[in-house]
Protein backbone atom coordinates (compact mmCIF):
# COMPACT_ATOMS: atom_id res chain seq x y z
CA MET A 1 -14.68 7.69 31.76
CA GLY A 2 -12.64 4.86 33.14
CA THR A 3 -9.09 4.09 32.14
CA SER A 4 -7.25 0.91 31.39
CA PHE A 5 -3.46 1.16 31.28
CA GLY A 6 -3.79 4.91 30.78
CA ILE A 7 -6.22 4.55 27.85
CA GLU A 8 -9.56 6.21 28.42
CA MET A 9 -12.50 3.94 27.77
CA PRO A 10 -16.10 5.15 27.67
CA GLU A 11 -18.12 3.61 30.49
CA PRO A 12 -20.50 1.54 28.31
CA ILE A 13 -17.58 -0.07 26.50
CA LYS A 14 -15.66 -0.60 29.73
CA ARG A 15 -18.58 -2.51 31.23
CA ARG A 16 -19.14 -4.70 28.16
CA GLU A 17 -15.58 -5.63 27.25
CA GLY A 18 -12.26 -6.01 28.96
CA HIS A 19 -9.07 -4.21 28.02
CA GLU A 20 -7.82 -6.98 25.73
CA ASP A 21 -11.12 -7.15 23.85
CA TYR A 22 -11.21 -3.35 23.58
CA MET A 23 -7.66 -3.18 22.22
CA THR A 24 -8.33 -6.02 19.75
CA ARG A 25 -11.43 -4.24 18.49
CA LYS A 26 -9.58 -0.91 18.11
CA LEU A 27 -6.72 -2.60 16.24
CA ARG A 28 -9.19 -4.27 13.89
CA GLU A 29 -10.94 -0.93 13.26
CA THR A 30 -7.60 0.77 12.57
CA LYS A 31 -6.48 -1.94 10.13
CA GLN A 32 -9.75 -1.65 8.22
CA ALA A 33 -9.15 2.09 7.80
CA LEU A 34 -5.62 1.55 6.44
CA ASP A 35 -4.92 0.49 2.87
CA LEU A 36 -1.82 -1.64 3.34
CA VAL A 37 -1.56 -2.52 -0.37
CA ASN A 38 -1.97 0.85 -2.08
CA SER A 39 -0.70 3.24 0.54
CA PRO A 40 1.02 1.58 3.48
CA PRO A 41 1.95 4.22 6.07
CA HIS A 42 5.36 2.66 6.73
CA TYR A 43 6.46 3.65 3.19
CA ASN A 44 5.85 7.38 3.65
CA GLN A 45 8.34 9.95 4.91
CA GLY A 46 6.53 13.24 5.09
CA ASP A 47 5.12 13.98 1.65
CA ILE A 48 7.43 11.55 -0.18
CA GLU A 49 6.40 7.97 -0.82
CA CYS A 50 9.14 5.38 -1.02
CA ILE A 51 7.99 4.27 -4.50
CA ASP A 52 8.54 7.81 -5.84
CA ALA A 53 12.03 7.92 -4.33
CA ILE A 54 12.83 4.56 -5.95
CA HIS A 55 11.62 5.83 -9.33
CA ALA A 56 13.73 8.96 -8.99
CA ALA A 57 16.81 6.96 -7.98
CA LEU A 58 16.51 4.30 -10.70
CA GLY A 59 15.23 6.39 -13.59
CA THR A 60 12.34 5.23 -15.76
CA GLU A 61 14.00 2.18 -17.34
CA GLY A 62 15.31 0.94 -14.01
CA PHE A 63 11.95 1.57 -12.39
CA LEU A 64 10.15 -0.46 -15.07
CA ALA A 65 12.49 -3.37 -14.35
CA TYR A 66 11.91 -2.92 -10.62
CA CYS A 67 8.13 -3.14 -11.15
CA ARG A 68 8.50 -6.27 -13.31
CA GLY A 69 10.65 -7.89 -10.62
CA ASN A 70 8.09 -7.16 -7.92
CA ILE A 71 5.27 -8.52 -10.08
CA LEU A 72 7.22 -11.76 -10.43
CA LYS A 73 8.10 -11.87 -6.72
CA TYR A 74 4.56 -11.37 -5.44
CA ASN A 75 3.05 -13.87 -7.89
CA TRP A 76 5.77 -16.39 -7.04
CA ARG A 77 5.21 -16.30 -3.29
CA ALA A 78 1.42 -15.87 -3.23
CA ASP A 79 0.70 -19.57 -2.66
CA HIS A 80 3.32 -19.86 0.07
CA LYS A 81 3.23 -16.63 2.03
CA GLY A 82 0.83 -13.76 1.46
CA GLY A 83 -2.01 -15.26 -0.57
CA ILE A 84 -4.49 -12.72 -1.87
CA ASP A 85 -2.53 -9.81 -0.33
CA ASP A 86 0.47 -10.77 -2.47
CA LEU A 87 -1.71 -10.99 -5.60
CA GLU A 88 -3.08 -7.53 -4.83
CA LYS A 89 0.48 -6.22 -4.44
CA SER A 90 1.38 -7.84 -7.76
CA ARG A 91 -1.60 -6.12 -9.40
CA TRP A 92 -0.53 -2.81 -7.81
CA TYR A 93 2.94 -3.13 -9.40
CA LEU A 94 1.38 -4.14 -12.73
CA ASN A 95 -0.80 -1.02 -12.66
CA LYS A 96 2.25 1.09 -11.75
CA LEU A 97 4.19 -0.51 -14.63
CA ILE A 98 1.36 0.25 -17.08
CA ASP A 99 0.99 3.84 -15.85
CA THR A 100 4.73 4.44 -16.10
CA MET A 101 4.90 2.97 -19.60
CA ARG A 102 1.94 5.10 -20.72
CA THR A 103 3.55 8.23 -19.30
CA LYS A 104 6.85 7.35 -20.96
CA THR A 105 5.11 6.85 -24.33
CA GLU A 106 3.22 10.13 -23.99
CA HIS A 107 6.46 11.99 -23.29
CA LYS A 108 8.15 10.45 -26.33
CA SER A 109 5.40 11.47 -28.74
CA PRO A 110 3.33 14.30 -27.26
CA THR A 111 1.81 15.25 -30.63
CA LYS A 112 0.03 11.88 -30.82
CA ARG A 113 -1.74 12.45 -27.53
CA GLY A 114 -5.46 12.82 -28.03
CA ARG A 115 -5.42 11.57 -31.65
CA LYS A 116 -7.31 8.50 -32.75
């Protein structure tokens, strides 16, 4: 195997593409494997996700308001900054809001759970 800046490159790849092309391809492959909307790695510290820490710090009512604010923010800026990514983030916060409200309702009236 050859190396380029200390990064081993298999011979067939080394012959076909230069270092810059190789690194661009690897970055693209890595980004495709990451889910930057639903689970961005920069929001994890060990086993704790930032969103869970925010919920714990704000309590349920504060967290619901936080989700509503982020829904508004991402919809507001979608046409000017992040486009579809911002709309997906808005949807993520909407789903989180709905899940939190459902959980809150279930905890308030556990006997109604499962009834029609």
